[in-house]
Amino acid sequence: MALAKLGVVVLDCPDPRALAGFYAEVLGGTPTVETDGEDEWVDLKVPGGQALAFQAAPGYVPPRWPSPEHSQQFHLDLVVEDLDTAEKGVLALGAKPLDADDRERTFRVYADPAGHPFCLCAC
């Protein structure tokens, strides 16, 4: 028996509204902003999927990929039907390619606008 259930995956970032907007365009859903004094938190309920949340992190430093000295800590795998179409979409939204040159693989790696790595997967 599980002791808990997963509530939400939270991404630290410099601008929660902007990053939630990026993922809302990629995954669907509508961001909901909550503020507590100076702290800002944005929830994104993804249709048919796990919710994401975004919190402001003063002094945020993005992970580096790949880098043994600087762990990526986590990444998101986003399942798509067509890698080329999805790639065009995420690049237009501000993603940056990290490892997307091998067109024979079933996945490509990008960084979101705050530098978090994510994969588009046609798996």
Protein backbone atom coordinates (compact mmCIF):
# COMPACT_ATOMS: atom_id res chain seq x y z
CA MET A 1 0.00 0.00 0.00
CA ALA A 2 1.32 3.45 -0.94
CA LEU A 3 2.02 5.99 1.78
CA ALA A 4 1.17 8.94 -0.45
CA LYS A 5 0.04 9.90 -3.92
CA LEU A 6 1.68 12.35 -6.28
CA GLY A 7 0.00 15.73 -6.06
CA VAL A 8 1.93 17.95 -8.45
CA VAL A 9 5.33 18.29 -10.09
CA VAL A 10 6.82 21.71 -9.23
CA LEU A 11 9.40 23.54 -11.34
CA ASP A 12 11.49 26.34 -9.84
CA CYS A 13 11.98 29.24 -12.24
CA PRO A 14 12.57 32.99 -12.42
CA ASP A 15 9.12 33.81 -13.89
CA PRO A 16 6.33 31.35 -12.98
CA ARG A 17 3.69 33.02 -15.17
CA ALA A 18 5.88 32.93 -18.27
CA LEU A 19 6.97 29.31 -17.79
CA ALA A 20 3.40 28.17 -17.03
CA GLY A 21 2.34 29.95 -20.23
CA PHE A 22 4.98 28.04 -22.20
CA TYR A 23 3.77 24.67 -20.88
CA ALA A 24 0.10 25.65 -21.33
CA GLU A 25 0.84 26.21 -25.03
CA VAL A 26 2.69 22.87 -25.26
CA LEU A 27 0.36 20.68 -23.16
CA GLY A 28 -2.94 22.59 -23.01
CA GLY A 29 -4.68 23.82 -19.89
CA THR A 30 -5.02 27.20 -18.24
CA PRO A 31 -2.57 28.54 -15.67
CA THR A 32 -3.97 29.66 -12.30
CA VAL A 33 -1.91 32.23 -10.39
CA GLU A 34 -1.69 32.24 -6.60
CA THR A 35 0.26 34.83 -4.64
CA ASP A 36 1.24 34.75 -1.00
CA GLY A 37 2.88 38.06 -0.20
CA GLU A 38 5.90 38.24 -2.50
CA ASP A 39 5.86 34.55 -3.36
CA GLU A 40 4.18 33.55 -6.59
CA TRP A 41 2.93 30.09 -7.49
CA VAL A 42 1.21 29.08 -10.73
CA ASP A 43 -0.73 25.84 -11.19
CA LEU A 44 -1.32 24.28 -14.59
CA LYS A 45 -3.98 21.58 -14.70
CA VAL A 46 -3.17 19.61 -17.83
CA PRO A 47 -6.17 18.04 -19.60
CA GLY A 48 -6.05 14.29 -19.02
CA GLY A 49 -2.65 14.43 -17.35
CA GLN A 50 -0.61 15.22 -14.28
CA ALA A 51 -0.73 18.80 -13.02
CA LEU A 52 2.37 20.98 -13.08
CA ALA A 53 3.18 23.91 -10.82
CA PHE A 54 5.72 26.69 -11.09
CA GLN A 55 7.27 28.67 -8.23
CA ALA A 56 9.48 31.72 -8.21
CA ALA A 57 13.03 30.92 -7.15
CA PRO A 58 15.24 33.94 -6.38
CA GLY A 59 18.72 33.40 -7.77
CA TYR A 60 17.50 30.59 -10.01
CA VAL A 61 20.27 28.88 -11.99
CA PRO A 62 19.09 26.53 -14.75
CA PRO A 63 20.38 22.97 -14.92
CA ARG A 64 22.94 22.10 -17.57
CA TRP A 65 22.47 19.19 -19.90
CA PRO A 66 24.44 17.01 -20.16
CA SER A 67 26.91 17.83 -17.46
CA PRO A 68 28.35 15.52 -14.80
CA GLU A 69 29.29 18.60 -12.74
CA HIS A 70 25.76 20.07 -12.80
CA SER A 71 22.98 17.54 -12.43
CA GLN A 72 19.85 18.05 -14.52
CA GLN A 73 17.91 16.85 -11.44
CA PHE A 74 14.83 15.83 -13.45
CA HIS A 75 13.28 16.20 -16.87
CA LEU A 76 9.85 15.83 -18.43
CA ASP A 77 9.07 13.32 -21.18
CA LEU A 78 6.31 14.71 -23.40
CA VAL A 79 4.74 12.15 -25.73
CA VAL A 80 3.97 13.44 -29.25
CA GLU A 81 2.66 11.90 -32.45
CA ASP A 82 5.02 13.73 -34.82
CA LEU A 83 8.46 14.85 -33.65
CA ASP A 84 9.02 17.35 -36.47
CA THR A 85 5.68 19.10 -35.93
CA ALA A 86 6.11 19.18 -32.14
CA GLU A 87 9.67 20.45 -32.51
CA LYS A 88 8.55 23.37 -34.68
CA GLY A 89 5.91 24.22 -32.10
CA VAL A 90 8.15 24.18 -29.02
CA LEU A 91 10.91 26.13 -30.79
CA ALA A 92 8.37 28.80 -31.79
CA LEU A 93 7.36 29.03 -28.11
CA GLY A 94 10.94 29.66 -26.98
CA ALA A 95 12.42 26.20 -26.34
CA LYS A 96 16.09 25.64 -27.17
CA PRO A 97 17.45 22.38 -28.63
CA LEU A 98 19.90 20.52 -26.39
CA ASP A 99 20.21 17.20 -28.22
CA ALA A 100 17.94 17.12 -31.26
CA ASP A 101 20.29 16.44 -34.17
CA ASP A 102 19.80 12.65 -34.37
CA ARG A 103 16.66 12.36 -36.48
CA GLU A 104 16.65 8.54 -36.29
CA ARG A 105 15.95 8.42 -32.54
CA THR A 106 12.45 8.35 -31.07
CA PHE A 107 13.18 11.35 -28.81
CA ARG A 108 14.75 14.81 -28.90
CA VAL A 109 15.93 16.91 -25.96
CA TYR A 110 15.15 20.62 -25.47
CA ALA A 111 15.28 23.23 -22.72
CA ASP A 112 12.20 25.23 -21.78
CA PRO A 113 12.57 29.03 -21.56
CA ALA A 114 13.81 28.73 -17.94
CA GLY A 115 16.40 26.08 -18.90
CA HIS A 116 14.69 22.89 -17.63
CA PRO A 117 15.37 19.96 -19.95
CA PHE A 118 12.46 18.09 -21.50
CA CYS A 119 12.14 15.44 -24.18
CA LEU A 120 9.70 15.19 -27.02
CA CYS A 121 9.12 11.45 -27.39
CA ALA A 122 7.45 9.58 -30.22
CA CYS A 123 7.53 6.37 -28.19
